[in-house]
């Protein structure tokens, strides 16, 4: 796989996101047709946002699959074969510990007045308002997203970089890109955004270590999925 081909999944995601945003905008415009004055803001449901996010990830997966097949990269099935229940269990425990550590750290820093942290409007759209919303978000954010992201970052990208650079540097680069692409340092101004970005960077390093240790993606996906799931569940019951 060539380096530029690693960018095609991201480009596909951007295009799909723009098209979805246009589609949602058209729906809202039709619903408010004939209304005078400024349109009232009606936030899309968490379920609708889950569907939009899922569509973006499926586009990313399709681009990754095509690029990998063209360049004879590691087949995706080899990242997960054979099934390793022990790796899944280790990943679940690691994800729980990461989420717990984040919660404790943020609680201490916020209570001490060292940082301020509030959900952005975009993040609020991914807070479930009903059990159905929560179920749909868990499918997307705690299953689809971790699988696609780990195949991309700890599969294709890490594999490509490790052939050209020392493994530790490759792991650090993939972790940095993984953290940066989530944009937490942009959504949260000041130290809180950089702190959250650092947490994702460390999570990326941990998942890269899992790959080096096991040569499979079961642990990274389980760690990532559990971490995301606990954040979603915590936001749901805390809202």
C-alpha atoms as a PDB file:
ATOM      1  CA  UNK A   1       0.000   0.000   0.000  1.00  0.00           C
ATOM      2  CA  UNK A   2       1.283   3.446  -0.908  1.00  0.00           C
ATOM      3  CA  UNK A   3       1.334   6.229   1.655  1.00  0.00           C
ATOM      4  CA  UNK A   4      -1.194   8.409  -0.165  1.00  0.00           C
ATOM      5  CA  UNK A   5      -3.665   5.528  -0.225  1.00  0.00           C
ATOM      6  CA  UNK A   6      -3.865   5.722   3.578  1.00  0.00           C
ATOM      7  CA  UNK A   7      -5.536   9.111   3.097  1.00  0.00           C
ATOM      8  CA  UNK A   8      -8.331   7.873   0.829  1.00  0.00           C
ATOM      9  CA  UNK A   9     -10.518   6.518   3.678  1.00  0.00           C
ATOM     10  CA  UNK A  10     -10.369   9.904   5.412  1.00  0.00           C
ATOM     11  CA  UNK A  11     -11.237  11.699   2.178  1.00  0.00           C
ATOM     12  CA  UNK A  12     -14.173   9.352   1.700  1.00  0.00           C
ATOM     13  CA  UNK A  13     -15.362  10.027   5.239  1.00  0.00           C
ATOM     14  CA  UNK A  14     -15.208  13.798   4.691  1.00  0.00           C
ATOM     15  CA  UNK A  15     -17.253  13.520   1.497  1.00  0.00           C
ATOM     16  CA  UNK A  16     -19.840  11.261   3.137  1.00  0.00           C
ATOM     17  CA  UNK A  17     -20.064  13.576   6.160  1.00  0.00           C
ATOM     18  CA  UNK A  18     -20.696  16.586   3.904  1.00  0.00           C
ATOM     19  CA  UNK A  19     -23.378  14.722   1.948  1.00  0.00           C
ATOM     20  CA  UNK A  20     -25.070  13.570   5.162  1.00  0.00           C
ATOM     21  CA  UNK A  21     -24.976  17.099   6.576  1.00  0.00           C
ATOM     22  CA  UNK A  22     -26.560  18.406   3.362  1.00  0.00           C
ATOM     23  CA  UNK A  23     -29.216  15.715   3.597  1.00  0.00           C
ATOM     24  CA  UNK A  24     -30.073  16.557   7.207  1.00  0.00           C
ATOM     25  CA  UNK A  25     -30.148  20.245   6.303  1.00  0.00           C
ATOM     26  CA  UNK A  26     -32.578  19.556   3.476  1.00  0.00           C
ATOM     27  CA  UNK A  27     -34.847  17.578   5.811  1.00  0.00           C
ATOM     28  CA  UNK A  28     -34.902  20.408   8.353  1.00  0.00           C
ATOM     29  CA  UNK A  29     -35.568  22.962   5.597  1.00  0.00           C
ATOM     30  CA  UNK A  30     -38.513  20.950   4.271  1.00  0.00           C
ATOM     31  CA  UNK A  31     -39.926  20.497   7.774  1.00  0.00           C
ATOM     32  CA  UNK A  32     -39.793  24.279   8.325  1.00  0.00           C
ATOM     33  CA  UNK A  33     -40.988  25.298   4.854  1.00  0.00           C
ATOM     34  CA  UNK A  34     -43.295  28.296   5.024  1.00  0.00           C
ATOM     35  CA  UNK A  35     -42.136  29.320   8.485  1.00  0.00           C
ATOM     36  CA  UNK A  36     -41.208  32.987   8.758  1.00  0.00           C
ATOM     37  CA  UNK A  37     -38.396  34.425  10.803  1.00  0.00           C
ATOM     38  CA  UNK A  38     -35.348  32.520  12.026  1.00  0.00           C
ATOM     39  CA  UNK A  39     -35.697  28.770  12.079  1.00  0.00           C
ATOM     40  CA  UNK A  40     -35.857  27.259  15.550  1.00  0.00           C
ATOM     41  CA  UNK A  41     -32.993  24.969  16.386  1.00  0.00           C
ATOM     42  CA  UNK A  42     -34.203  21.409  16.757  1.00  0.00           C
ATOM     43  CA  UNK A  43     -31.347  19.107  17.590  1.00  0.00           C
ATOM     44  CA  UNK A  44     -31.289  15.833  15.754  1.00  0.00           C
ATOM     45  CA  UNK A  45     -31.884  12.803  17.915  1.00  0.00           C
ATOM     46  CA  UNK A  46     -28.974  10.720  19.117  1.00  0.00           C
ATOM     47  CA  UNK A  47     -30.352   7.865  17.009  1.00  0.00           C
ATOM     48  CA  UNK A  48     -30.228   9.989  13.841  1.00  0.00           C
ATOM     49  CA  UNK A  49     -26.674  11.029  14.641  1.00  0.00           C
ATOM     50  CA  UNK A  50     -25.735   7.407  15.270  1.00  0.00           C
ATOM     51  CA  UNK A  51     -26.982   6.513  11.797  1.00  0.00           C
ATOM     52  CA  UNK A  52     -24.993   9.373  10.251  1.00  0.00           C
ATOM     53  CA  UNK A  53     -21.815   8.383  12.094  1.00  0.00           C
ATOM     54  CA  UNK A  54     -22.307   4.740  11.112  1.00  0.00           C
ATOM     55  CA  UNK A  55     -22.599   5.766   7.455  1.00  0.00           C
ATOM     56  CA  UNK A  56     -19.300   7.660   7.651  1.00  0.00           C
ATOM     57  CA  UNK A  57     -17.519   4.696   9.224  1.00  0.00           C
ATOM     58  CA  UNK A  58     -18.897   2.293   6.634  1.00  0.00           C
ATOM     59  CA  UNK A  59     -17.528   4.562   3.892  1.00  0.00           C
ATOM     60  CA  UNK A  60     -14.129   4.587   5.614  1.00  0.00           C
ATOM     61  CA  UNK A  61     -14.219   0.791   5.864  1.00  0.00           C
ATOM     62  CA  UNK A  62     -15.105   0.438   2.172  1.00  0.00           C
ATOM     63  CA  UNK A  63     -12.192   2.676   1.118  1.00  0.00           C
ATOM     64  CA  UNK A  64      -9.802   0.788   3.428  1.00  0.00           C
ATOM     65  CA  UNK A  65     -10.940  -2.565   2.083  1.00  0.00           C
ATOM     66  CA  UNK A  66     -10.501  -1.548  -1.538  1.00  0.00           C
ATOM     67  CA  UNK A  67      -7.081   0.009  -0.915  1.00  0.00           C
ATOM     68  CA  UNK A  68      -5.896  -3.047   1.036  1.00  0.00           C
ATOM     69  CA  UNK A  69      -7.071  -5.457  -1.653  1.00  0.00           C
ATOM     70  CA  UNK A  70      -5.401  -3.467  -4.429  1.00  0.00           C
ATOM     71  CA  UNK A  71      -2.025  -3.364  -2.705  1.00  0.00           C
ATOM     72  CA  UNK A  72      -2.060  -6.831  -1.153  1.00  0.00           C
ATOM     73  CA  UNK A  73      -1.948  -5.552   2.414  1.00  0.00           C
ATOM     74  CA  UNK A  74      -2.722  -7.909   5.268  1.00  0.00           C
ATOM     75  CA  UNK A  75      -6.257  -9.296   4.741  1.00  0.00           C
ATOM     76  CA  UNK A  76      -8.605  -7.872   7.348  1.00  0.00           C
ATOM     77  CA  UNK A  77      -9.610 -11.357   8.496  1.00  0.00           C
ATOM     78  CA  UNK A  78      -6.002 -12.046   9.503  1.00  0.00           C
ATOM     79  CA  UNK A  79      -6.195  -9.239  12.064  1.00  0.00           C
ATOM     80  CA  UNK A  80      -8.848 -11.234  13.931  1.00  0.00           C
ATOM     81  CA  UNK A  81      -8.134 -14.885  13.160  1.00  0.00           C
ATOM     82  CA  UNK A  82      -8.244 -16.951  15.230  1.00  0.00           C
ATOM     83  CA  UNK A  83     -10.748 -15.834  17.838  1.00  0.00           C
ATOM     84  CA  UNK A  84      -8.952 -15.168  21.135  1.00  0.00           C
ATOM     85  CA  UNK A  85     -11.326 -14.913  24.111  1.00  0.00           C
ATOM     86  CA  UNK A  86      -8.427 -14.245  26.506  1.00  0.00           C
ATOM     87  CA  UNK A  87      -7.316 -11.222  24.469  1.00  0.00           C
ATOM     88  CA  UNK A  88     -10.879  -9.920  24.461  1.00  0.00           C
ATOM     89  CA  UNK A  89     -11.074 -10.302  28.239  1.00  0.00           C
ATOM     90  CA  UNK A  90      -7.745  -8.510  28.745  1.00  0.00           C
ATOM     91  CA  UNK A  91      -8.889  -5.707  26.446  1.00  0.00           C
ATOM     92  CA  UNK A  92     -12.179  -5.307  28.319  1.00  0.00           C
ATOM     93  CA  UNK A  93     -10.365  -5.003  31.646  1.00  0.00           C
ATOM     94  CA  UNK A  94      -7.894  -2.517  30.150  1.00  0.00           C
ATOM     95  CA  UNK A  95     -10.718  -0.429  28.705  1.00  0.00           C
ATOM     96  CA  UNK A  96     -12.500  -0.367  32.048  1.00  0.00           C
ATOM     97  CA  UNK A  97      -9.330   0.751  33.812  1.00  0.00           C
ATOM     98  CA  UNK A  98      -8.702   3.486  31.231  1.00  0.00           C
ATOM     99  CA  UNK A  99     -12.243   4.837  31.550  1.00  0.00           C
ATOM    100  CA  UNK A 100     -12.093   4.693  35.345  1.00  0.00           C
ATOM    101  CA  UNK A 101      -8.719   6.469  35.401  1.00  0.00           C
ATOM    102  CA  UNK A 102     -10.044   9.207  33.109  1.00  0.00           C
ATOM    103  CA  UNK A 103     -13.111   9.713  35.299  1.00  0.00           C
ATOM    104  CA  UNK A 104     -11.038   9.968  38.491  1.00  0.00           C
ATOM    105  CA  UNK A 105      -8.493  12.291  36.902  1.00  0.00           C
ATOM    106  CA  UNK A 106     -11.116  14.654  35.509  1.00  0.00           C
ATOM    107  CA  UNK A 107     -13.069  14.664  38.774  1.00  0.00           C
ATOM    108  CA  UNK A 108      -9.960  15.629  40.750  1.00  0.00           C
ATOM    109  CA  UNK A 109      -8.854  18.316  38.294  1.00  0.00           C
ATOM    110  CA  UNK A 110     -12.319  19.852  37.955  1.00  0.00           C
ATOM    111  CA  UNK A 111     -12.923  19.787  41.716  1.00  0.00           C
ATOM    112  CA  UNK A 112      -9.567  21.474  42.234  1.00  0.00           C
ATOM    113  CA  UNK A 113     -10.430  24.202  39.759  1.00  0.00           C
ATOM    114  CA  UNK A 114      -7.509  23.291  37.534  1.00  0.00           C
ATOM    115  CA  UNK A 115      -9.630  22.728  34.423  1.00  0.00           C
ATOM    116  CA  UNK A 116     -13.138  23.423  33.201  1.00  0.00           C
ATOM    117  CA  UNK A 117     -14.867  20.899  31.015  1.00  0.00           C
ATOM    118  CA  UNK A 118     -18.250  21.193  29.357  1.00  0.00           C
ATOM    119  CA  UNK A 119     -19.799  19.181  26.549  1.00  0.00           C
ATOM    120  CA  UNK A 120     -19.848  20.871  23.174  1.00  0.00           C
ATOM    121  CA  UNK A 121     -23.072  20.981  21.161  1.00  0.00           C
ATOM    122  CA  UNK A 122     -21.711  18.253  18.884  1.00  0.00           C
ATOM    123  CA  UNK A 123     -20.961  16.010  21.859  1.00  0.00           C
ATOM    124  CA  UNK A 124     -24.412  16.595  23.317  1.00  0.00           C
ATOM    125  CA  UNK A 125     -25.895  15.207  20.122  1.00  0.00           C
ATOM    126  CA  UNK A 126     -24.265  11.880  20.969  1.00  0.00           C
ATOM    127  CA  UNK A 127     -25.754  11.670  24.457  1.00  0.00           C
ATOM    128  CA  UNK A 128     -28.554   9.101  24.488  1.00  0.00           C
ATOM    129  CA  UNK A 129     -31.980  10.306  25.600  1.00  0.00           C
ATOM    130  CA  UNK A 130     -33.631   6.888  25.675  1.00  0.00           C
ATOM    131  CA  UNK A 131     -32.665   3.212  25.920  1.00  0.00           C
ATOM    132  CA  UNK A 132     -33.129   2.906  22.149  1.00  0.00           C
ATOM    133  CA  UNK A 133     -30.766   5.824  21.560  1.00  0.00           C
ATOM    134  CA  UNK A 134     -28.238   4.220  23.893  1.00  0.00           C
ATOM    135  CA  UNK A 135     -28.470   0.853  22.133  1.00  0.00           C
ATOM    136  CA  UNK A 136     -27.939   2.447  18.709  1.00  0.00           C
ATOM    137  CA  UNK A 137     -25.043   4.566  19.922  1.00  0.00           C
ATOM    138  CA  UNK A 138     -23.388   1.551  21.529  1.00  0.00           C
ATOM    139  CA  UNK A 139     -23.585  -0.352  18.235  1.00  0.00           C
ATOM    140  CA  UNK A 140     -21.954   2.533  16.367  1.00  0.00           C
ATOM    141  CA  UNK A 141     -19.549   4.065  18.900  1.00  0.00           C
ATOM    142  CA  UNK A 142     -18.614   0.941  20.855  1.00  0.00           C
ATOM    143  CA  UNK A 143     -18.603  -1.645  18.046  1.00  0.00           C
ATOM    144  CA  UNK A 144     -18.388  -0.185  14.534  1.00  0.00           C
ATOM    145  CA  UNK A 145     -16.092   2.746  15.358  1.00  0.00           C
ATOM    146  CA  UNK A 146     -13.483   0.761  17.346  1.00  0.00           C
ATOM    147  CA  UNK A 147     -13.291  -1.971  14.708  1.00  0.00           C
ATOM    148  CA  UNK A 148     -12.868   0.478  11.819  1.00  0.00           C
ATOM    149  CA  UNK A 149     -10.453   2.772  13.674  1.00  0.00           C
ATOM    150  CA  UNK A 150      -8.260  -0.051  14.947  1.00  0.00           C
ATOM    151  CA  UNK A 151      -8.045  -1.678  11.516  1.00  0.00           C
ATOM    152  CA  UNK A 152      -6.996   1.690  10.116  1.00  0.00           C
ATOM    153  CA  UNK A 153      -4.609   2.965  12.796  1.00  0.00           C
ATOM    154  CA  UNK A 154      -3.228  -0.189  14.434  1.00  0.00           C
ATOM    155  CA  UNK A 155      -3.651  -2.309  11.327  1.00  0.00           C
ATOM    156  CA  UNK A 156      -2.964  -0.605   8.004  1.00  0.00           C
ATOM    157  CA  UNK A 157      -1.179   2.538   9.185  1.00  0.00           C
ATOM    158  CA  UNK A 158       0.991   0.947  11.866  1.00  0.00           C
ATOM    159  CA  UNK A 159       1.911  -1.898   9.527  1.00  0.00           C
ATOM    160  CA  UNK A 160       2.868   0.539   6.746  1.00  0.00           C
ATOM    161  CA  UNK A 161       4.953   2.760   9.033  1.00  0.00           C
ATOM    162  CA  UNK A 162       6.665  -0.127  10.838  1.00  0.00           C
ATOM    163  CA  UNK A 163       8.114  -1.313   7.519  1.00  0.00           C
ATOM    164  CA  UNK A 164       9.882   2.029   7.128  1.00  0.00           C
ATOM    165  CA  UNK A 165      10.537   3.341  10.648  1.00  0.00           C
ATOM    166  CA  UNK A 166      11.471   1.958  14.074  1.00  0.00           C
ATOM    167  CA  UNK A 167       8.451   0.338  15.682  1.00  0.00           C
ATOM    168  CA  UNK A 168       8.316   2.710  18.683  1.00  0.00           C
ATOM    169  CA  UNK A 169       8.303   5.749  16.404  1.00  0.00           C
ATOM    170  CA  UNK A 170       5.626   4.166  14.215  1.00  0.00           C
ATOM    171  CA  UNK A 171       3.468   3.515  17.270  1.00  0.00           C
ATOM    172  CA  UNK A 172       3.900   7.103  18.460  1.00  0.00           C
ATOM    173  CA  UNK A 173       3.002   8.537  15.039  1.00  0.00           C
ATOM    174  CA  UNK A 174      -0.150   6.450  14.724  1.00  0.00           C
ATOM    175  CA  UNK A 175      -1.164   7.340  18.289  1.00  0.00           C
ATOM    176  CA  UNK A 176      -0.589  11.045  17.606  1.00  0.00           C
ATOM    177  CA  UNK A 177      -2.648  10.976  14.406  1.00  0.00           C
ATOM    178  CA  UNK A 178      -5.348   8.926  16.143  1.00  0.00           C
ATOM    179  CA  UNK A 179      -5.543  11.557  18.885  1.00  0.00           C
ATOM    180  CA  UNK A 180      -5.339  14.560  16.549  1.00  0.00           C
ATOM    181  CA  UNK A 181      -8.039  13.369  14.177  1.00  0.00           C
ATOM    182  CA  UNK A 182     -10.592  13.318  17.016  1.00  0.00           C
ATOM    183  CA  UNK A 183     -10.084  17.077  17.372  1.00  0.00           C
ATOM    184  CA  UNK A 184     -10.557  17.303  21.139  1.00  0.00           C
ATOM    185  CA  UNK A 185      -7.952  20.066  21.354  1.00  0.00           C
ATOM    186  CA  UNK A 186     -10.138  22.081  18.961  1.00  0.00           C
ATOM    187  CA  UNK A 187     -13.497  21.359  20.576  1.00  0.00           C
ATOM    188  CA  UNK A 188     -12.279  22.135  24.099  1.00  0.00           C
ATOM    189  CA  UNK A 189     -10.197  25.263  24.438  1.00  0.00           C
ATOM    190  CA  UNK A 190      -7.326  25.401  26.866  1.00  0.00           C
ATOM    191  CA  UNK A 191      -5.715  22.676  28.995  1.00  0.00           C
ATOM    192  CA  UNK A 192      -8.798  20.444  29.051  1.00  0.00           C
ATOM    193  CA  UNK A 193      -8.679  19.847  25.295  1.00  0.00           C
ATOM    194  CA  UNK A 194      -4.985  19.029  25.312  1.00  0.00           C
ATOM    195  CA  UNK A 195      -5.445  16.786  28.335  1.00  0.00           C
ATOM    196  CA  UNK A 196      -8.196  14.806  26.602  1.00  0.00           C
ATOM    197  CA  UNK A 197      -6.001  14.587  23.501  1.00  0.00           C
ATOM    198  CA  UNK A 198      -3.154  13.235  25.629  1.00  0.00           C
ATOM    199  CA  UNK A 199      -5.481  10.567  27.008  1.00  0.00           C
ATOM    200  CA  UNK A 200      -6.337   9.439  23.476  1.00  0.00           C
ATOM    201  CA  UNK A 201      -2.652   9.470  22.556  1.00  0.00           C
ATOM    202  CA  UNK A 202      -1.878   7.160  25.487  1.00  0.00           C
ATOM    203  CA  UNK A 203      -4.801   4.927  24.539  1.00  0.00           C
ATOM    204  CA  UNK A 204      -3.338   4.731  21.028  1.00  0.00           C
ATOM    205  CA  UNK A 205       0.060   3.769  22.417  1.00  0.00           C
ATOM    206  CA  UNK A 206      -1.500   1.073  24.580  1.00  0.00           C
ATOM    207  CA  UNK A 207      -3.363  -0.387  21.625  1.00  0.00           C
ATOM    208  CA  UNK A 208      -0.191  -0.332  19.533  1.00  0.00           C
ATOM    209  CA  UNK A 209       1.554  -2.248  22.321  1.00  0.00           C
ATOM    210  CA  UNK A 210      -1.266  -4.817  22.272  1.00  0.00           C
ATOM    211  CA  UNK A 211      -0.662  -5.321  18.548  1.00  0.00           C
ATOM    212  CA  UNK A 212       3.063  -5.816  19.055  1.00  0.00           C
ATOM    213  CA  UNK A 213       2.407  -8.302  21.841  1.00  0.00           C
ATOM    214  CA  UNK A 214      -0.353 -10.343  20.199  1.00  0.00           C
ATOM    215  CA  UNK A 215      -0.028  -9.607  16.440  1.00  0.00           C
ATOM    216  CA  UNK A 216      -3.824  -9.335  16.363  1.00  0.00           C
ATOM    217  CA  UNK A 217      -6.431  -6.620  16.863  1.00  0.00           C
ATOM    218  CA  UNK A 218      -8.628  -8.333  19.444  1.00  0.00           C
ATOM    219  CA  UNK A 219      -7.095  -6.524  22.424  1.00  0.00           C
ATOM    220  CA  UNK A 220      -7.015  -3.070  20.801  1.00  0.00           C
ATOM    221  CA  UNK A 221     -10.626  -3.366  19.644  1.00  0.00           C
ATOM    222  CA  UNK A 222     -11.813  -4.685  23.031  1.00  0.00           C
ATOM    223  CA  UNK A 223      -9.939  -1.940  24.900  1.00  0.00           C
ATOM    224  CA  UNK A 224     -11.239   0.784  22.589  1.00  0.00           C
ATOM    225  CA  UNK A 225     -14.803  -0.580  22.567  1.00  0.00           C
ATOM    226  CA  UNK A 226     -15.032  -0.893  26.347  1.00  0.00           C
ATOM    227  CA  UNK A 227     -13.603   2.594  26.855  1.00  0.00           C
ATOM    228  CA  UNK A 228     -16.121   4.119  24.437  1.00  0.00           C
ATOM    229  CA  UNK A 229     -19.013   2.106  25.859  1.00  0.00           C
ATOM    230  CA  UNK A 230     -18.369   3.229  29.413  1.00  0.00           C
ATOM    231  CA  UNK A 231     -18.149   6.872  28.340  1.00  0.00           C
ATOM    232  CA  UNK A 232     -21.496   6.565  26.548  1.00  0.00           C
ATOM    233  CA  UNK A 233     -23.186   4.810  29.440  1.00  0.00           C
ATOM    234  CA  UNK A 234     -21.761   7.324  31.912  1.00  0.00           C
ATOM    235  CA  UNK A 235     -23.029  10.253  29.826  1.00  0.00           C
ATOM    236  CA  UNK A 236     -26.485   8.629  29.544  1.00  0.00           C
ATOM    237  CA  UNK A 237     -26.964   8.069  33.247  1.00  0.00           C
ATOM    238  CA  UNK A 238     -25.320  11.366  34.116  1.00  0.00           C
ATOM    239  CA  UNK A 239     -27.538  13.458  31.830  1.00  0.00           C
END
